Amino acid sequence: MRKKAEILLVAGMAAGLLAGCGSGEQAVTTQASGTVSQQTEANVPAGGDKVNIEFWHCMGSSNGELIQEIVNSFNESQDKVFVKSVHQGSYTDAGTKMQAALAAGEAPVVAQMEIGMLGIFADAEQLVDLKKFVDAEGYDIKDFMPGLLDASYYNDALVALPHSRSVPVLYYNKDRFKAAGLAENQPPVTWEELKEYSKKLTADGTYGYSCPLDQWYYMSLVMNAGGTIFNEQANGIGFEGESGTKPLYLWKEMIADGTMHVPSGQDYNSSEACRNAFAGGTAAMIMQSSAQLKGLEKTCEFTVGVGPIPKDSTLSYPAGGSNLLMFRGHTEKEEAAGWEFLKFMTDTENALKWANGTGYLPTRKSCMESDTYKKMIEEDPNLQIIVDQVEYSTYKTPFIPQYQEAKEIFANEIQKCILEDNYTPEQAVEAMRERVKKLF
């Protein structure tokens, strides 16, 4: 296993250190990455007979505070296990640090990882198959929403539980809509309407639309144009032809028309710049993760609306976010402690608390049936709009070790096409096809 961990470190760090990896989502105000969390009294390892384990997570700012609150609740709920939470920065940062920790034999028992990383760790045989715990106690795994649970399996092994799951959505400024004579509860549903609305909303140094030049949002448009991320054979791209070129032409046309704002920076910095442009009034509509809902509603001084990503020919989105994983190399007692913590973090009550406090999706069927959820929707109808998009989300991307490198290729070619006048969408898609083919 040590040899596989060393291979994992070399391949994974090469991918993780590249810009553009990850799902492009973090808290609205992202804290600087840190390798350890603050040592509050509630986060100091316990003594006595308790089993002490570490939990690495990727949530900063208010989301990180809520994570710690739930961890504290677990520690206070029983007297057998103590969990120390450790903030490891963005998804990309956490993935790189985890690969190094595995190679050194110092991985935590439990961690939150972006779903695209699952294949790297599972292929290197670093993850615990949770099915042994499920079978031993008759745990109801079917209560998780099917579309979200799909991204928890690798070669029929249950190697994760759904947690911070999200879909890309369109946020829009309802006040700007009213001022432009647009219906405040009717966001654009097609690409043509997106262009039309953006023209009406562009004025006085502001733009109708903004979106990071990020592979996740590009793939959202690709899938809405009938493409898939990888082909059915899982050995090449699934968006050759118009499904790959049309999104790039859409963006180039809107930029040329002066209706699309291109946020500065790359990866998470670009997404943060996009949200700042929205909150500051520079852009009236943005494509971002559903996980940004609560942060944007708190930050913006106007009424925030939510709608599906506009479609070309169909509605289909790449599911995003992260799962909770358990890593091998620990004692039976530590694994048992990790399982109790995983169950607590993902139970109905905490899944609802996490969804209501962030904008991530409720992960269980039982969440939808609860009075708590009904009250949440009554207080914030935007949540229901987001949940309605789950039926259109999918994670047909194979969990393959090459996925992280493929995402970097996509991001580089997207940016080159948009930022260089003479680099056509056809050239960009062909380059993606050839470069990804070599990965296999």
Protein backbone atom coordinates (compact mmCIF):
# COMPACT_ATOMS: atom_id res chain seq x y z
CA MET A 1 0.00 0.00 0.00
CA ARG A 2 2.93 2.35 0.69
CA LYS A 3 4.01 2.05 -2.94
CA LYS A 4 0.50 2.96 -4.12
CA ALA A 5 0.50 5.94 -1.75
CA GLU A 6 3.79 7.16 -3.24
CA ILE A 7 2.37 6.87 -6.75
CA LEU A 8 -0.73 8.71 -5.53
CA LEU A 9 1.42 11.52 -4.17
CA VAL A 10 3.35 12.06 -7.40
CA ALA A 11 0.32 11.90 -9.72
CA GLY A 12 -2.09 13.70 -7.42
CA MET A 13 0.15 16.56 -6.40
CA ALA A 14 0.90 17.29 -10.05
CA ALA A 15 -2.82 17.68 -10.64
CA GLY A 16 -3.62 19.43 -7.39
CA LEU A 17 -0.96 22.09 -7.77
CA LEU A 18 -2.37 23.19 -11.11
CA ALA A 19 -4.81 26.08 -11.24
CA GLY A 20 -8.44 25.43 -12.06
CA CYS A 21 -8.87 22.13 -10.19
CA GLY A 22 -11.80 21.48 -7.92
CA SER A 23 -15.42 22.35 -8.18
CA GLY A 24 -14.98 26.09 -7.96
CA GLU A 25 -16.94 26.50 -4.76
CA GLN A 26 -16.05 27.89 -1.36
CA ALA A 27 -17.66 30.23 1.10
CA VAL A 28 -18.55 33.71 -0.21
CA THR A 29 -15.76 35.20 1.87
CA THR A 30 -12.94 32.66 1.79
CA GLN A 31 -10.44 32.50 4.59
CA ALA A 32 -6.78 32.03 3.85
CA SER A 33 -5.83 28.37 3.71
CA GLY A 34 -4.44 26.95 6.92
CA THR A 35 -3.04 23.59 7.83
CA VAL A 36 -4.57 23.51 11.29
CA SER A 37 -7.69 24.92 12.90
CA GLN A 38 -7.64 27.32 15.80
CA GLN A 39 -7.21 25.56 19.14
CA THR A 40 -10.44 26.49 20.86
CA GLU A 41 -11.35 24.70 24.08
CA ALA A 42 -13.96 22.68 22.17
CA ASN A 43 -11.32 21.50 19.68
CA VAL A 44 -8.58 20.35 22.06
CA PRO A 45 -8.10 16.54 22.10
CA ALA A 46 -9.70 14.83 25.06
CA GLY A 47 -7.87 12.63 27.51
CA GLY A 48 -9.05 9.63 29.46
CA ASP A 49 -10.53 6.61 27.71
CA LYS A 50 -11.96 8.50 24.72
CA VAL A 51 -10.88 7.58 21.21
CA ASN A 52 -9.35 10.70 19.64
CA ILE A 53 -9.61 11.11 15.87
CA GLU A 54 -9.01 13.93 13.38
CA PHE A 55 -11.44 15.25 10.80
CA TRP A 56 -10.08 17.34 7.93
CA HIS A 57 -12.47 19.71 6.17
CA CYS A 58 -12.45 22.37 3.45
CA MET A 59 -14.90 24.95 4.80
CA GLY A 60 -13.82 28.48 5.71
CA SER A 61 -15.63 31.53 7.05
CA SER A 62 -19.26 31.02 8.20
CA ASN A 63 -19.39 27.52 6.70
CA GLY A 64 -16.34 26.57 8.73
CA GLU A 65 -17.95 27.93 11.88
CA LEU A 66 -21.02 25.77 11.25
CA ILE A 67 -18.86 22.70 10.66
CA GLN A 68 -17.18 23.31 14.02
CA GLU A 69 -20.56 23.79 15.70
CA ILE A 70 -21.73 20.37 14.46
CA VAL A 71 -18.43 18.76 15.47
CA ASN A 72 -18.82 20.25 18.94
CA SER A 73 -22.35 18.85 19.14
CA PHE A 74 -21.02 15.38 18.34
CA ASN A 75 -18.33 15.62 21.00
CA GLU A 76 -20.89 16.72 23.57
CA SER A 77 -23.45 14.05 22.58
CA GLN A 78 -21.44 11.10 23.89
CA ASP A 79 -18.39 10.26 25.99
CA LYS A 80 -16.55 7.65 23.91
CA VAL A 81 -15.12 9.62 20.97
CA PHE A 82 -13.50 13.02 20.57
CA VAL A 83 -13.16 14.56 17.11
CA LYS A 84 -10.64 17.31 16.41
CA SER A 85 -11.58 19.27 13.29
CA VAL A 86 -8.80 20.67 11.08
CA HIS A 87 -9.41 23.22 8.31
CA GLN A 88 -7.22 22.42 5.30
CA GLY A 89 -8.14 25.25 2.91
CA SER A 90 -9.86 24.84 -0.46
CA TYR A 91 -10.71 21.54 -2.11
CA THR A 92 -7.51 21.79 -4.14
CA ASP A 93 -5.39 22.57 -1.07
CA ALA A 94 -6.96 19.74 0.93
CA GLY A 95 -6.44 17.23 -1.87
CA THR A 96 -2.75 18.08 -2.16
CA LYS A 97 -2.22 17.91 1.61
CA MET A 98 -4.06 14.60 1.83
CA GLN A 99 -1.85 13.04 -0.82
CA ALA A 100 1.22 14.12 1.14
CA ALA A 101 -0.24 12.82 4.41
CA LEU A 102 -1.03 9.44 2.86
CA ALA A 103 2.50 9.07 1.51
CA ALA A 104 3.83 9.83 5.01
CA GLY A 105 1.36 7.48 6.72
CA GLU A 106 -0.25 10.41 8.57
CA ALA A 107 -3.75 10.61 7.09
CA PRO A 108 -6.69 11.50 9.35
CA VAL A 109 -9.43 8.97 10.05
CA VAL A 110 -12.16 11.06 8.36
CA ALA A 111 -12.00 13.86 5.80
CA GLN A 112 -14.16 15.97 3.53
CA MET A 113 -12.96 15.75 -0.07
CA GLU A 114 -14.21 17.06 -3.43
CA ILE A 115 -16.02 14.26 -5.25
CA GLY A 116 -13.62 14.40 -8.20
CA MET A 117 -10.81 13.27 -5.88
CA LEU A 118 -12.58 10.06 -4.90
CA GLY A 119 -11.21 8.07 -7.82
CA ILE A 120 -7.60 8.95 -7.01
CA PHE A 121 -7.85 7.78 -3.39
CA ALA A 122 -10.03 4.73 -4.11
CA ASP A 123 -7.83 3.56 -6.98
CA ALA A 124 -4.82 3.73 -4.64
CA GLU A 125 -6.70 1.54 -2.12
CA GLN A 126 -6.63 4.24 0.54
CA LEU A 127 -10.34 4.30 1.45
CA VAL A 128 -12.33 2.16 3.87
CA ASP A 129 -15.32 0.30 2.38
CA LEU A 130 -18.14 1.54 4.60
CA LYS A 131 -20.41 -1.30 3.54
CA LYS A 132 -19.08 -3.43 6.42
CA PHE A 133 -20.57 -0.94 8.90
CA VAL A 134 -23.81 -0.61 6.92
CA ASP A 135 -24.30 -4.39 6.83
CA ALA A 136 -23.30 -4.93 10.46
CA GLU A 137 -26.03 -2.68 11.86
CA GLY A 138 -28.59 -2.60 9.05
CA TYR A 139 -27.93 1.09 8.42
CA ASP A 140 -30.48 2.64 6.05
CA ILE A 141 -28.23 3.78 3.22
CA LYS A 142 -31.21 4.09 0.87
CA ASP A 143 -32.42 7.21 2.70
CA PHE A 144 -29.77 9.21 0.85
CA MET A 145 -31.01 10.78 -2.37
CA PRO A 146 -30.06 8.43 -5.26
CA GLY A 147 -28.55 11.11 -7.48
CA LEU A 148 -26.20 12.12 -4.66
CA LEU A 149 -25.41 8.63 -3.41
CA ASP A 150 -24.13 7.62 -6.87
CA ALA A 151 -20.94 9.56 -6.23
CA SER A 152 -20.18 7.51 -3.12
CA TYR A 153 -19.33 4.23 -4.83
CA TYR A 154 -16.18 3.01 -6.51
CA ASN A 155 -16.18 -0.43 -8.13
CA ASP A 156 -19.24 -1.35 -6.03
CA ALA A 157 -17.49 -0.39 -2.77
CA LEU A 158 -19.18 2.27 -0.60
CA VAL A 159 -16.25 4.58 0.03
CA ALA A 160 -18.03 7.80 1.02
CA LEU A 161 -21.22 9.35 2.36
CA PRO A 162 -22.85 12.42 0.70
CA HIS A 163 -22.36 15.67 2.58
CA SER A 164 -21.66 19.07 0.99
CA ARG A 165 -23.32 18.46 -2.36
CA SER A 166 -24.28 21.20 -4.76
CA VAL A 167 -25.44 22.07 -8.25
CA PRO A 168 -24.55 25.08 -10.41
CA VAL A 169 -27.33 27.67 -10.54
CA LEU A 170 -28.02 31.14 -11.91
CA TYR A 171 -28.23 33.93 -9.30
CA TYR A 172 -29.84 37.18 -10.35
CA ASN A 173 -30.53 40.63 -8.95
CA LYS A 174 -34.30 41.00 -8.68
CA ASP A 175 -34.04 44.75 -8.16
CA ARG A 176 -32.12 45.15 -11.42
CA PHE A 177 -34.67 42.96 -13.18
CA LYS A 178 -37.52 45.23 -12.09
CA ALA A 179 -35.60 48.35 -13.08
CA ALA A 180 -35.00 46.87 -16.56
CA GLY A 181 -38.66 45.97 -17.01
CA LEU A 182 -38.08 42.22 -16.55
CA ALA A 183 -40.29 39.97 -14.42
CA GLU A 184 -38.50 39.53 -11.10
CA ASN A 185 -39.55 35.89 -10.70
CA GLN A 186 -38.76 34.80 -14.26
CA PRO A 187 -35.01 34.37 -14.87
CA PRO A 188 -33.85 33.37 -18.36
CA VAL A 189 -34.35 29.67 -19.12
CA THR A 190 -32.64 29.47 -22.54
CA TRP A 191 -29.38 30.76 -23.95
CA GLU A 192 -31.27 33.14 -26.22
CA GLU A 193 -33.10 34.59 -23.24
CA LEU A 194 -29.81 34.86 -21.36
CA LYS A 195 -28.38 36.99 -24.17
CA GLU A 196 -31.59 39.04 -24.45
CA TYR A 197 -31.83 39.71 -20.70
CA SER A 198 -28.13 40.51 -20.47
CA LYS A 199 -28.47 43.24 -23.09
CA LYS A 200 -31.34 44.82 -21.18
CA LEU A 201 -29.41 44.64 -17.91
CA THR A 202 -26.14 46.08 -19.28
CA ALA A 203 -25.84 49.84 -18.70
CA ASP A 204 -23.72 52.53 -17.04
CA GLY A 205 -20.57 50.46 -16.65
CA THR A 206 -22.40 47.37 -15.42
CA TYR A 207 -22.91 44.01 -17.08
CA GLY A 208 -25.90 41.74 -17.46
CA TYR A 209 -23.93 38.55 -16.82
CA SER A 210 -20.72 37.26 -15.27
CA CYS A 211 -19.19 33.79 -15.02
CA PRO A 212 -15.74 32.46 -14.14
CA LEU A 213 -13.86 30.81 -17.00
CA ASP A 214 -14.08 27.61 -15.00
CA GLN A 215 -14.48 24.06 -16.25
CA TRP A 216 -17.46 23.33 -13.94
CA TYR A 217 -19.58 26.11 -15.40
CA TYR A 218 -18.41 25.35 -18.92
CA MET A 219 -19.42 21.71 -18.41
CA SER A 220 -22.82 22.88 -17.17
CA LEU A 221 -23.36 24.54 -20.55
CA VAL A 222 -21.84 21.57 -22.39
CA MET A 223 -24.33 19.21 -20.74
CA ASN A 224 -27.18 21.62 -21.41
CA ALA A 225 -26.14 21.47 -25.06
CA GLY A 226 -26.38 17.67 -25.08
CA GLY A 227 -22.79 16.70 -24.29
CA THR A 228 -21.19 14.74 -21.46
CA ILE A 229 -17.85 15.21 -19.72
CA PHE A 230 -16.43 11.85 -20.84
CA ASN A 231 -17.61 9.42 -23.49
CA GLU A 232 -19.32 6.11 -22.72
CA GLN A 233 -16.04 4.22 -23.00
CA ALA A 234 -14.48 6.51 -20.38
CA ASN A 235 -11.40 7.03 -22.55
CA GLY A 236 -12.05 10.44 -24.07
CA ILE A 237 -14.22 13.57 -23.95
CA GLY A 238 -17.96 13.40 -24.50
CA PHE A 239 -18.42 16.82 -26.08
CA GLU A 240 -16.85 16.71 -29.51
CA GLY A 241 -18.64 18.90 -32.01
CA GLU A 242 -21.27 21.54 -31.22
CA SER A 243 -21.94 20.55 -27.61
CA GLY A 244 -18.34 21.57 -26.88
CA THR A 245 -18.02 24.60 -29.15
CA LYS A 246 -21.42 26.25 -28.61
CA PRO A 247 -20.77 27.27 -24.97
CA LEU A 248 -17.49 28.90 -25.99
CA TYR A 249 -19.18 30.75 -28.84
CA LEU A 250 -21.89 31.88 -26.41
CA TRP A 251 -19.33 33.40 -24.06
CA LYS A 252 -17.25 34.96 -26.85
CA GLU A 253 -20.37 36.54 -28.37
CA MET A 254 -21.52 38.01 -25.05
CA ILE A 255 -18.06 39.37 -24.28
CA ALA A 256 -17.89 40.97 -27.74
CA ASP A 257 -21.33 42.50 -27.16
CA GLY A 258 -20.13 43.96 -23.86
CA THR A 259 -22.80 42.12 -21.87
CA MET A 260 -20.56 39.57 -20.10
CA HIS A 261 -18.11 40.44 -17.34
CA VAL A 262 -15.06 38.16 -17.03
CA PRO A 263 -13.94 38.03 -13.39
CA SER A 264 -10.23 38.29 -12.70
CA GLY A 265 -8.08 35.49 -11.33
CA GLN A 266 -8.33 31.73 -11.63
CA ASP A 267 -9.97 28.86 -9.79
CA TYR A 268 -11.50 29.95 -6.45
CA ASN A 269 -10.18 33.50 -6.79
CA SER A 270 -12.14 33.93 -10.01
CA SER A 271 -15.33 32.62 -8.40
CA GLU A 272 -14.89 34.99 -5.48
CA ALA A 273 -14.34 37.91 -7.90
CA CYS A 274 -17.53 36.89 -9.71
CA ARG A 275 -19.55 36.93 -6.49
CA ASN A 276 -18.06 40.27 -5.51
CA ALA A 277 -19.08 41.70 -8.90
CA PHE A 278 -22.63 40.48 -8.26
CA ALA A 279 -22.83 41.79 -4.69
CA GLY A 280 -21.29 45.11 -5.74
CA GLY A 281 -23.74 45.66 -8.60
CA THR A 282 -21.25 45.16 -11.44
CA ALA A 283 -23.11 42.09 -12.75
CA ALA A 284 -26.85 41.42 -12.63
CA MET A 285 -26.65 37.65 -13.19
CA ILE A 286 -23.94 35.13 -12.30
CA MET A 287 -23.39 31.38 -12.53
CA GLN A 288 -22.23 29.97 -9.20
CA SER A 289 -22.67 27.00 -6.89
CA SER A 290 -25.89 26.51 -4.95
CA ALA A 291 -23.62 26.42 -1.88
CA GLN A 292 -23.27 30.21 -2.18
CA LEU A 293 -26.98 30.88 -1.52
CA LYS A 294 -26.91 31.88 2.14
CA GLY A 295 -23.69 33.84 1.80
CA LEU A 296 -25.02 35.86 -1.12
CA GLU A 297 -28.36 36.50 0.57
CA LYS A 298 -26.49 37.87 3.60
CA THR A 299 -23.95 39.86 1.58
CA CYS A 300 -26.11 41.46 -1.11
CA GLU A 301 -28.11 44.60 -0.36
CA PHE A 302 -30.74 43.62 -2.92
CA THR A 303 -33.15 40.71 -3.31
CA VAL A 304 -31.37 37.64 -4.67
CA GLY A 305 -33.20 35.38 -7.09
CA VAL A 306 -32.25 31.83 -8.13
CA GLY A 307 -32.93 29.94 -11.33
CA PRO A 308 -31.64 26.95 -13.31
CA ILE A 309 -28.60 27.30 -15.54
CA PRO A 310 -30.10 28.37 -18.90
CA LYS A 311 -30.34 25.54 -21.41
CA ASP A 312 -29.62 25.08 -25.08
CA SER A 313 -31.36 21.80 -25.87
CA THR A 314 -31.79 20.08 -22.49
CA LEU A 315 -31.44 20.44 -18.73
CA SER A 316 -28.51 18.54 -17.24
CA TYR A 317 -25.90 19.61 -14.71
CA PRO A 318 -22.64 18.18 -13.37
CA ALA A 319 -23.19 17.54 -9.66
CA GLY A 320 -20.51 19.10 -7.49
CA GLY A 321 -19.35 19.47 -3.94
CA SER A 322 -17.79 16.97 -1.58
CA ASN A 323 -18.32 13.76 0.36
CA LEU A 324 -17.06 12.44 3.67
CA LEU A 325 -14.44 9.68 3.39
CA MET A 326 -12.72 7.34 5.86
CA PHE A 327 -9.06 6.56 5.25
CA ARG A 328 -7.34 3.24 5.84
CA GLY A 329 -4.38 2.65 8.11
CA HIS A 330 -6.12 3.12 11.47
CA THR A 331 -7.13 0.81 14.31
CA GLU A 332 -10.52 -0.88 14.52
CA LYS A 333 -11.46 1.43 17.40
CA GLU A 334 -10.55 4.50 15.36
CA GLU A 335 -12.52 3.23 12.37
CA ALA A 336 -15.52 2.50 14.59
CA ALA A 337 -15.23 6.02 16.03
CA GLY A 338 -15.01 7.46 12.53
CA TRP A 339 -18.16 5.61 11.51
CA GLU A 340 -20.10 7.01 14.47
CA PHE A 341 -18.95 10.50 13.50
CA LEU A 342 -19.89 9.98 9.82
CA LYS A 343 -23.37 8.89 10.82
CA PHE A 344 -23.79 11.94 13.05
CA MET A 345 -22.55 14.40 10.42
CA THR A 346 -24.93 13.03 7.79
CA ASP A 347 -28.04 12.24 9.83
CA THR A 348 -31.32 13.95 8.96
CA GLU A 349 -31.09 16.64 11.64
CA ASN A 350 -27.56 17.72 10.77
CA ALA A 351 -28.11 17.39 7.01
CA LEU A 352 -30.95 19.89 7.39
CA LYS A 353 -28.90 22.15 9.64
CA TRP A 354 -26.05 22.15 7.13
CA ALA A 355 -28.35 22.79 4.15
CA ASN A 356 -30.20 25.62 5.88
CA GLY A 357 -27.00 27.28 7.03
CA THR A 358 -25.15 27.12 3.72
CA GLY A 359 -27.18 26.40 0.58
CA TYR A 360 -25.79 22.91 0.06
CA LEU A 361 -28.39 20.32 -0.85
CA PRO A 362 -30.33 18.32 1.73
CA THR A 363 -28.86 14.87 1.14
CA ARG A 364 -31.62 12.60 2.48
CA LYS A 365 -35.17 11.75 1.48
CA SER A 366 -36.17 12.10 5.13
CA CYS A 367 -35.03 15.73 5.02
CA MET A 368 -37.73 16.55 2.49
CA GLU A 369 -40.43 14.99 4.63
CA SER A 370 -39.59 16.88 7.82
CA ASP A 371 -41.43 19.88 9.24
CA THR A 372 -38.06 21.58 9.62
CA TYR A 373 -37.49 21.45 5.86
CA LYS A 374 -41.00 22.74 5.14
CA LYS A 375 -40.33 25.69 7.43
CA MET A 376 -36.98 26.32 5.72
CA ILE A 377 -38.68 26.49 2.33
CA GLU A 378 -41.39 28.77 3.66
CA GLU A 379 -38.74 31.17 4.98
CA ASP A 380 -36.57 30.97 1.86
CA PRO A 381 -38.27 29.76 -1.37
CA ASN A 382 -34.87 29.91 -3.13
CA LEU A 383 -34.00 26.65 -1.35
CA GLN A 384 -36.83 24.82 -3.11
CA ILE A 385 -35.70 26.13 -6.49
CA ILE A 386 -32.25 24.70 -5.81
CA VAL A 387 -33.56 21.35 -4.60
CA ASP A 388 -35.74 21.10 -7.72
CA GLN A 389 -32.57 21.03 -9.81
CA VAL A 390 -31.33 17.79 -8.24
CA GLU A 391 -33.34 15.69 -10.70
CA TYR A 392 -31.30 17.25 -13.52
CA SER A 393 -27.94 16.76 -11.82
CA THR A 394 -25.76 13.80 -12.60
CA TYR A 395 -22.28 12.55 -11.94
CA LYS A 396 -21.67 10.39 -14.95
CA THR A 397 -18.02 11.30 -14.82
CA PRO A 398 -16.12 8.07 -14.17
CA PHE A 399 -14.12 8.09 -10.95
CA ILE A 400 -10.78 7.80 -12.66
CA PRO A 401 -7.36 8.95 -11.45
CA GLN A 402 -6.95 11.06 -14.60
CA TYR A 403 -9.99 13.20 -13.83
CA GLN A 404 -8.13 15.92 -11.96
CA GLU A 405 -5.62 16.30 -14.81
CA ALA A 406 -8.45 16.36 -17.35
CA LYS A 407 -10.16 19.21 -15.48
CA GLU A 408 -6.94 21.22 -15.68
CA ILE A 409 -6.77 20.65 -19.42
CA PHE A 410 -10.37 21.82 -19.78
CA ALA A 411 -9.72 24.97 -17.74
CA ASN A 412 -6.59 25.91 -19.67
CA GLU A 413 -8.22 25.47 -23.08
CA ILE A 414 -11.35 27.37 -22.04
CA GLN A 415 -9.30 30.35 -20.86
CA LYS A 416 -7.09 30.29 -23.94
CA CYS A 417 -10.11 30.25 -26.26
CA ILE A 418 -11.91 33.10 -24.50
CA LEU A 419 -8.89 35.32 -23.93
CA GLU A 420 -7.14 34.86 -27.30
CA ASP A 421 -8.98 36.29 -30.30
CA ASN A 422 -7.48 33.94 -32.88
CA TYR A 423 -8.00 30.71 -30.93
CA THR A 424 -11.32 29.26 -32.07
CA PRO A 425 -13.74 27.07 -30.10
CA GLU A 426 -13.09 24.30 -32.64
CA GLN A 427 -9.35 24.48 -31.93
CA ALA A 428 -9.98 24.47 -28.17
CA VAL A 429 -12.26 21.41 -28.24
CA GLU A 430 -9.89 19.54 -30.55
CA ALA A 431 -7.00 20.32 -28.20
CA MET A 432 -9.07 19.04 -25.25
CA ARG A 433 -9.83 15.86 -27.19
CA GLU A 434 -6.19 15.20 -28.06
CA ARG A 435 -4.76 16.11 -24.66
CA VAL A 436 -7.31 14.07 -22.71
CA LYS A 437 -6.84 11.11 -25.04
CA LYS A 438 -3.16 11.01 -24.06
CA LEU A 439 -4.11 10.70 -20.38
CA PHE A 440 -5.53 7.26 -21.11
